[in-house]
Protein backbone atom coordinates (compact mmCIF):
# COMPACT_ATOMS: atom_id res chain seq x y z
CA MET A 1 84.06 117.55 59.22
CA LEU A 2 81.48 118.30 61.87
CA ASP A 3 79.44 121.50 61.65
CA THR A 4 79.92 124.13 64.35
CA SER A 5 77.08 123.05 66.68
CA ALA A 6 77.93 119.35 66.52
CA ARG A 7 81.62 120.15 66.96
CA LEU A 8 80.91 122.23 70.09
CA LEU A 9 78.98 119.33 71.61
CA ARG A 10 81.80 116.94 70.76
CA LEU A 11 84.38 119.34 72.20
CA LEU A 12 82.37 119.68 75.41
CA SER A 13 82.09 115.91 75.68
CA LEU A 14 85.87 115.56 75.38
CA LEU A 15 86.49 118.21 78.03
CA GLN A 16 84.12 116.45 80.42
CA ALA A 17 85.67 113.05 79.77
CA ARG A 18 89.24 113.96 80.78
CA ARG A 19 90.73 116.49 83.17
CA ASP A 20 93.38 118.04 80.87
CA TRP A 21 93.69 118.38 77.10
CA THR A 22 96.29 120.04 74.93
CA GLY A 23 95.17 122.18 72.01
CA PRO A 24 96.80 119.91 69.40
CA ALA A 25 95.21 116.80 70.96
CA LEU A 26 91.75 118.36 70.76
CA ALA A 27 92.39 119.53 67.23
CA GLU A 28 93.44 116.03 66.18
CA ARG A 29 90.37 114.42 67.76
CA LEU A 30 88.01 116.91 66.08
CA GLU A 31 89.98 117.09 62.81
CA VAL A 32 90.29 120.88 62.91
CA THR A 33 93.06 123.42 63.48
CA THR A 34 94.20 124.66 66.88
CA ARG A 35 92.86 128.11 65.88
CA THR A 36 89.40 126.58 65.47
CA ILE A 37 89.77 124.98 68.90
CA ARG A 38 90.55 128.40 70.42
CA ASN A 39 87.47 129.89 68.76
CA ASP A 40 85.28 127.02 69.94
CA ILE A 41 86.60 127.39 73.49
CA ASP A 42 85.55 131.06 73.40
CA ARG A 43 82.06 130.01 72.24
CA LEU A 44 81.77 127.57 75.15
CA ARG A 45 82.73 130.31 77.58
CA THR A 46 80.05 132.54 76.08
CA LEU A 47 77.53 129.76 76.74
CA GLY A 48 78.56 129.64 80.41
CA TYR A 49 81.09 126.81 80.46
CA PRO A 50 84.18 127.81 82.53
CA VAL A 51 87.08 126.52 80.44
CA ASP A 52 90.51 127.26 81.91
CA ALA A 53 93.47 127.69 79.58
CA THR A 54 97.10 126.95 80.40
CA PRO A 55 99.56 129.22 78.55
CA GLY A 56 102.29 127.68 76.45
CA VAL A 57 102.99 126.15 73.07
CA ALA A 58 100.76 123.15 73.79
CA GLY A 59 97.79 125.32 74.74
CA GLY A 60 96.30 123.18 77.52
CA TYR A 61 92.58 123.34 78.38
CA ARG A 62 90.58 122.18 81.38
CA LEU A 63 86.87 122.37 82.15
CA GLY A 64 86.74 124.34 85.40
CA ALA A 65 84.12 124.75 88.09
CA GLY A 66 81.90 127.80 87.70
CA ALA A 67 79.67 129.80 90.02
CA ALA A 68 76.63 128.52 88.12
CA LEU A 69 76.37 124.98 86.80
CA PRO A 70 76.08 124.99 83.00
CA PRO A 71 74.15 122.28 81.16
CA LEU A 72 75.78 118.85 81.21
CA LEU A 73 76.28 116.80 78.08
CA LEU A 74 75.21 113.19 78.67
CA ASP A 75 74.67 110.45 76.14
CA ASP A 76 71.79 107.99 76.55
CA GLU A 77 73.67 105.43 78.63
CA GLU A 78 75.20 108.11 80.88
CA ALA A 79 71.81 109.70 81.52
CA VAL A 80 70.26 106.35 82.46
CA ALA A 81 73.21 105.53 84.75
CA VAL A 82 72.89 108.88 86.56
CA ALA A 83 69.14 108.48 87.01
CA ILE A 84 69.52 104.96 88.40
CA GLY A 85 72.29 106.13 90.73
CA LEU A 86 70.10 108.93 92.07
CA ARG A 87 67.20 106.54 92.66
CA THR A 88 69.43 104.25 94.73
CA ALA A 89 71.42 106.92 96.61
CA ASN A 90 70.53 105.56 100.04
CA ALA A 91 73.94 104.48 101.34
CA VAL A 92 75.21 108.03 101.87
CA THR A 93 73.82 110.09 104.74
CA GLY A 94 72.46 113.56 104.03
CA ILE A 95 71.94 113.39 100.27
CA GLU A 96 68.54 111.68 100.08
CA GLU A 97 66.54 114.89 99.57
CA THR A 98 69.19 116.34 97.28
CA ALA A 99 69.17 113.17 95.19
CA VAL A 100 65.37 113.38 94.82
CA ARG A 101 65.56 117.02 93.66
CA ALA A 102 68.28 116.21 91.14
CA LEU A 103 66.33 113.18 89.90
CA VAL A 104 63.19 115.28 89.32
CA LYS A 105 65.20 117.78 87.26
CA LEU A 106 66.88 115.04 85.25
CA GLU A 107 63.67 113.14 84.50
CA GLN A 108 62.02 116.34 83.26
CA VAL A 109 64.52 116.51 80.40
CA LEU A 110 64.95 112.79 79.72
CA PRO A 111 63.54 111.64 76.37
CA THR A 112 60.49 109.42 76.75
CA ARG A 113 62.37 106.30 75.67
CA LEU A 114 64.97 106.79 78.42
CA ARG A 115 62.41 107.72 81.07
CA HIS A 116 60.61 104.44 80.37
CA ARG A 117 63.85 102.48 80.82
CA VAL A 118 64.57 104.12 84.18
CA ASN A 119 61.02 103.66 85.44
CA ALA A 120 60.93 100.03 84.32
CA LEU A 121 64.03 99.23 86.34
CA HIS A 122 62.69 101.12 89.37
CA ASN A 123 59.33 99.33 89.25
CA ALA A 124 60.97 95.91 88.91
CA THR A 125 63.37 96.41 91.83
CA VAL A 126 62.76 95.84 95.54
CA GLN A 127 64.97 96.89 98.44
CA VAL A 128 65.98 94.00 100.69
CA PRO A 129 66.68 95.04 104.31
CA GLY A 130 70.23 94.27 105.34
CA ARG A 131 73.24 95.48 107.27
CA GLN A 132 73.96 98.30 104.88
CA SER A 133 75.97 100.97 106.67
CA ARG A 134 75.54 104.66 105.89
CA VAL A 135 78.38 107.12 105.51
CA ASP A 136 78.49 110.89 105.61
CA ALA A 137 78.54 112.46 102.14
CA GLU A 138 81.16 115.03 103.19
CA ILE A 139 83.52 112.30 104.41
CA LEU A 140 83.04 110.36 101.19
CA THR A 141 83.82 113.37 98.99
CA THR A 142 86.86 114.22 101.14
CA LEU A 143 88.22 110.70 100.66
CA ALA A 144 87.58 110.84 96.92
CA ALA A 145 89.44 114.16 96.73
CA VAL A 146 92.55 112.93 98.57
CA CYS A 147 92.61 109.81 96.37
CA ARG A 148 92.48 112.02 93.29
CA ASP A 149 95.00 114.62 94.50
CA HIS A 150 97.44 112.16 96.15
CA GLU A 151 97.29 113.82 99.56
CA ARG A 152 98.14 112.08 102.81
CA LEU A 153 95.27 111.63 105.25
CA ARG A 154 95.14 111.32 109.03
CA PHE A 155 92.06 109.86 110.69
CA ASP A 156 90.79 108.27 113.89
CA TYR A 157 89.73 104.68 113.29
CA ALA A 158 87.64 102.15 115.25
CA ASN A 159 88.32 98.52 114.31
CA HIS A 160 85.77 95.68 114.45
CA HIS A 161 86.80 94.94 118.06
CA GLY A 162 86.05 98.53 119.10
CA GLY A 163 89.70 99.56 119.52
CA GLU A 164 90.59 103.17 118.64
CA SER A 165 93.73 104.27 116.79
CA ARG A 166 95.12 107.21 114.81
CA ARG A 167 96.19 106.29 111.28
CA THR A 168 98.25 108.10 108.65
CA VAL A 169 97.75 106.79 105.13
CA GLU A 170 98.34 107.45 101.46
CA PRO A 171 94.85 106.98 99.92
CA HIS A 172 94.49 105.00 96.72
CA ARG A 173 90.86 104.04 95.94
CA LEU A 174 87.34 103.89 97.35
CA ALA A 175 85.45 100.60 97.06
CA HIS A 176 81.80 99.72 97.64
CA ALA A 177 80.96 96.14 98.60
CA GLY A 178 78.17 94.46 100.55
CA GLY A 179 76.41 97.76 101.28
CA ARG A 180 79.54 99.34 102.79
CA TRP A 181 82.20 101.80 101.62
CA TYR A 182 85.91 101.03 102.04
CA LEU A 183 89.11 103.04 101.63
CA VAL A 184 92.12 101.26 100.15
CA ALA A 185 95.29 103.02 101.31
CA TYR A 186 98.95 102.53 102.16
CA ASP A 187 99.36 102.67 105.95
CA VAL A 188 102.51 104.74 106.55
CA ASP A 189 103.09 103.41 110.08
CA LYS A 190 102.35 99.73 109.27
CA GLN A 191 104.25 100.08 105.96
CA ASP A 192 101.68 97.97 104.16
CA TRP A 193 98.44 98.25 102.18
CA ARG A 194 95.25 98.22 104.25
CA THR A 195 91.47 98.38 103.79
CA PHE A 196 89.43 100.64 106.11
CA ARG A 197 85.67 100.85 106.58
CA VAL A 198 84.64 104.42 105.82
CA ASP A 199 81.85 104.48 108.41
CA ARG A 200 84.46 103.78 111.11
CA LEU A 201 86.88 106.59 110.31
CA THR A 202 86.91 110.30 111.17
CA PRO A 203 89.22 112.35 108.90
CA LYS A 204 91.46 115.07 110.32
CA ILE A 205 91.40 118.31 108.33
CA PRO A 206 93.40 119.81 106.69
CA THR A 207 94.74 116.94 104.60
CA GLY A 208 98.18 116.72 103.06
CA PRO A 209 101.00 116.89 102.21
CA ARG A 210 101.02 115.49 98.67
CA PHE A 211 102.81 112.20 98.01
CA THR A 212 104.14 110.26 95.05
CA PRO A 213 101.81 107.26 94.51
CA ARG A 214 103.28 103.85 95.29
CA GLU A 215 102.76 100.73 93.23
CA PRO A 216 99.24 99.64 94.27
CA PRO A 217 98.02 96.04 94.75
CA PRO A 218 97.80 94.40 91.31
CA ASP A 219 94.03 93.87 91.61
CA THR A 220 92.37 96.39 93.94
CA ALA A 221 88.96 94.69 93.82
CA ASN A 222 90.45 91.31 94.73
CA PHE A 223 92.54 92.96 97.46
CA VAL A 224 89.38 94.36 99.04
CA ALA A 225 87.56 91.02 98.72
CA GLN A 226 90.41 89.18 100.44
CA GLY A 227 90.58 91.80 103.18
CA LEU A 228 86.85 91.50 103.87
CA ALA A 229 87.10 87.71 104.00
CA THR A 230 89.91 87.68 106.58
CA ALA A 231 89.26 90.81 108.67
CA THR A 232 87.17 89.10 111.36
CA TRP A 233 89.06 85.80 111.54
CA ARG A 234 89.36 84.69 115.15
CA TYR A 235 91.00 81.35 114.40
CA ARG A 236 93.89 80.97 111.98
CA ALA A 237 95.76 77.86 110.91
CA THR A 238 98.43 76.66 108.52
CA VAL A 239 97.26 73.46 106.82
CA LEU A 240 99.20 70.93 104.76
CA VAL A 241 96.88 69.59 102.05
CA HIS A 242 97.75 66.48 100.07
CA ALA A 243 96.65 67.87 96.72
CA PRO A 244 98.32 70.15 94.13
CA ALA A 245 97.55 73.86 94.22
CA ASP A 246 96.02 73.95 90.73
CA GLU A 247 93.52 71.28 91.79
CA LEU A 248 92.48 73.23 94.91
CA SER A 249 92.47 76.76 93.53
CA GLN A 250 88.92 76.50 92.15
CA ARG A 251 87.56 75.35 95.53
CA LEU A 252 89.19 78.00 97.70
CA PRO A 253 87.10 80.97 98.89
CA PRO A 254 88.50 84.55 98.93
CA GLY A 255 91.12 85.16 101.60
CA ILE A 256 92.70 81.69 101.52
CA GLU A 257 96.38 82.03 100.65
CA ILE A 258 98.57 79.30 99.17
CA LEU A 259 101.91 79.63 100.99
CA GLU A 260 103.82 76.76 99.39
CA SER A 261 103.11 74.15 96.74
CA THR A 262 104.66 71.06 95.18
CA GLU A 263 103.41 68.64 92.55
CA THR A 264 101.41 66.71 95.16
CA THR A 265 100.89 69.02 98.17
CA CYS A 266 100.34 72.62 99.14
CA VAL A 267 100.34 74.64 102.36
CA LEU A 268 97.34 76.92 102.99
CA ALA A 269 96.86 79.85 105.36
CA VAL A 270 93.23 79.51 106.43
CA GLY A 271 91.01 81.04 109.05
CA SER A 272 87.50 81.75 110.30
CA ASP A 273 85.72 83.48 113.13
CA ASN A 274 84.22 80.08 114.00
CA ALA A 275 86.36 76.96 114.57
CA TYR A 276 83.48 74.61 113.73
CA MET A 277 82.86 76.29 110.36
CA LEU A 278 86.58 76.18 109.60
CA ALA A 279 86.61 72.43 110.28
CA LEU A 280 83.65 71.97 107.92
CA HIS A 281 85.30 73.97 105.13
CA LEU A 282 88.53 71.97 105.42
CA GLY A 283 86.49 68.81 104.92
CA MET A 284 84.99 70.32 101.77
CA LEU A 285 88.44 70.52 100.15
CA ASN A 286 87.93 66.83 99.26
CA ALA A 287 91.56 66.00 100.03
CA ASP A 288 93.59 64.65 102.95
CA PHE A 289 95.10 67.34 105.14
CA GLU A 290 97.16 67.80 108.33
CA VAL A 291 96.53 70.39 111.06
CA THR A 292 98.68 71.06 114.15
CA ASP A 293 96.96 74.13 115.62
CA PRO A 294 94.95 75.89 116.99
CA PRO A 295 93.60 73.53 119.69
CA GLU A 296 90.01 74.71 119.08
CA LEU A 297 90.19 73.60 115.45
CA ILE A 298 91.71 70.23 116.38
CA GLN A 299 88.90 69.65 118.88
CA GLU A 300 86.22 70.46 116.29
CA LEU A 301 87.85 68.12 113.78
CA ALA A 302 87.89 65.34 116.39
CA THR A 303 84.22 65.98 117.17
CA LEU A 304 83.29 65.83 113.48
CA ALA A 305 85.38 62.68 112.95
CA ALA A 306 83.58 60.93 115.81
CA ARG A 307 80.19 62.08 114.51
CA TYR A 308 80.90 60.82 110.98
CA THR A 309 82.19 57.53 112.36
CA ARG A 310 78.96 57.03 114.31
CA ALA A 311 76.98 57.87 111.16
CA ILE A 312 78.44 54.88 109.27
CA THR A 313 78.58 52.40 112.19
CA PRO A 314 75.79 49.75 112.16
CA HIS A 315 73.40 50.11 115.07
CA ALA A 316 74.33 46.71 116.48
CA ASP A 317 78.02 47.53 116.63
CA ARG A 318 77.63 50.91 118.34
CA ALA A 319 78.87 51.33 121.87
CA PRO A 320 76.16 52.04 124.45
């Protein structure tokens, strides 16, 4: 059995790891009685940790938010992760100075071995300029809160064409990809799951009401990746490919959907914001295929076919 000091640290770690705990569950994890748990909770309160208790037979406990922030309990890997996150907190507007202050405080108490790990990673890393968009910290925390509390959200949204709309959604998750933040949510009006760029939305406060979460997409990360791949498609086509789906699946980029398949053929829903690039990618499937629309894609395929034909025609046989 752990001694009192070690047990208090373990208890605090458990309370920080999960939102709600019952007394018996904590007692089982620490191999003590529920009476000991009550005494340890009182000790944590004396040390400044605001632990809320829910009355009842189960004796529920939750680590609350206090007026003053008590010391946090972080293991080695958690401390390194926090320090690295603070060093790279440049995608959220308005927290740069705050992140630096927090990093200074954290590095003052980091053991030497951990400080060396953080500094080594910082010194070996360079920032590559790109199209990284910045979002307001308050908007990001608002979105995280409505995802956590299952509250409906209304917001004004500007799409990639510049069109404005008012959306009502049931938020599910935040995602970060390619230097941008995205909100995955169920669009109440469209009655479907959608992905929204956070830097293009303006939340309407107050939020609410609460909702019962729906069954989310089976793979949220893949859902976001597919949405990003298809969001800016200007040209779309349905293509019959003379190859089985299992043969093509490894060659297909994100966003390409297999609509139908047989033992020898499959039908793909493809697209691109550039008809020429779409024609090139279809050729990279390394299989015969048939396209009926759009006209821009057919024209690009004809242009490529003529170019490839000229490439293999002997000079003497070429038309003037």
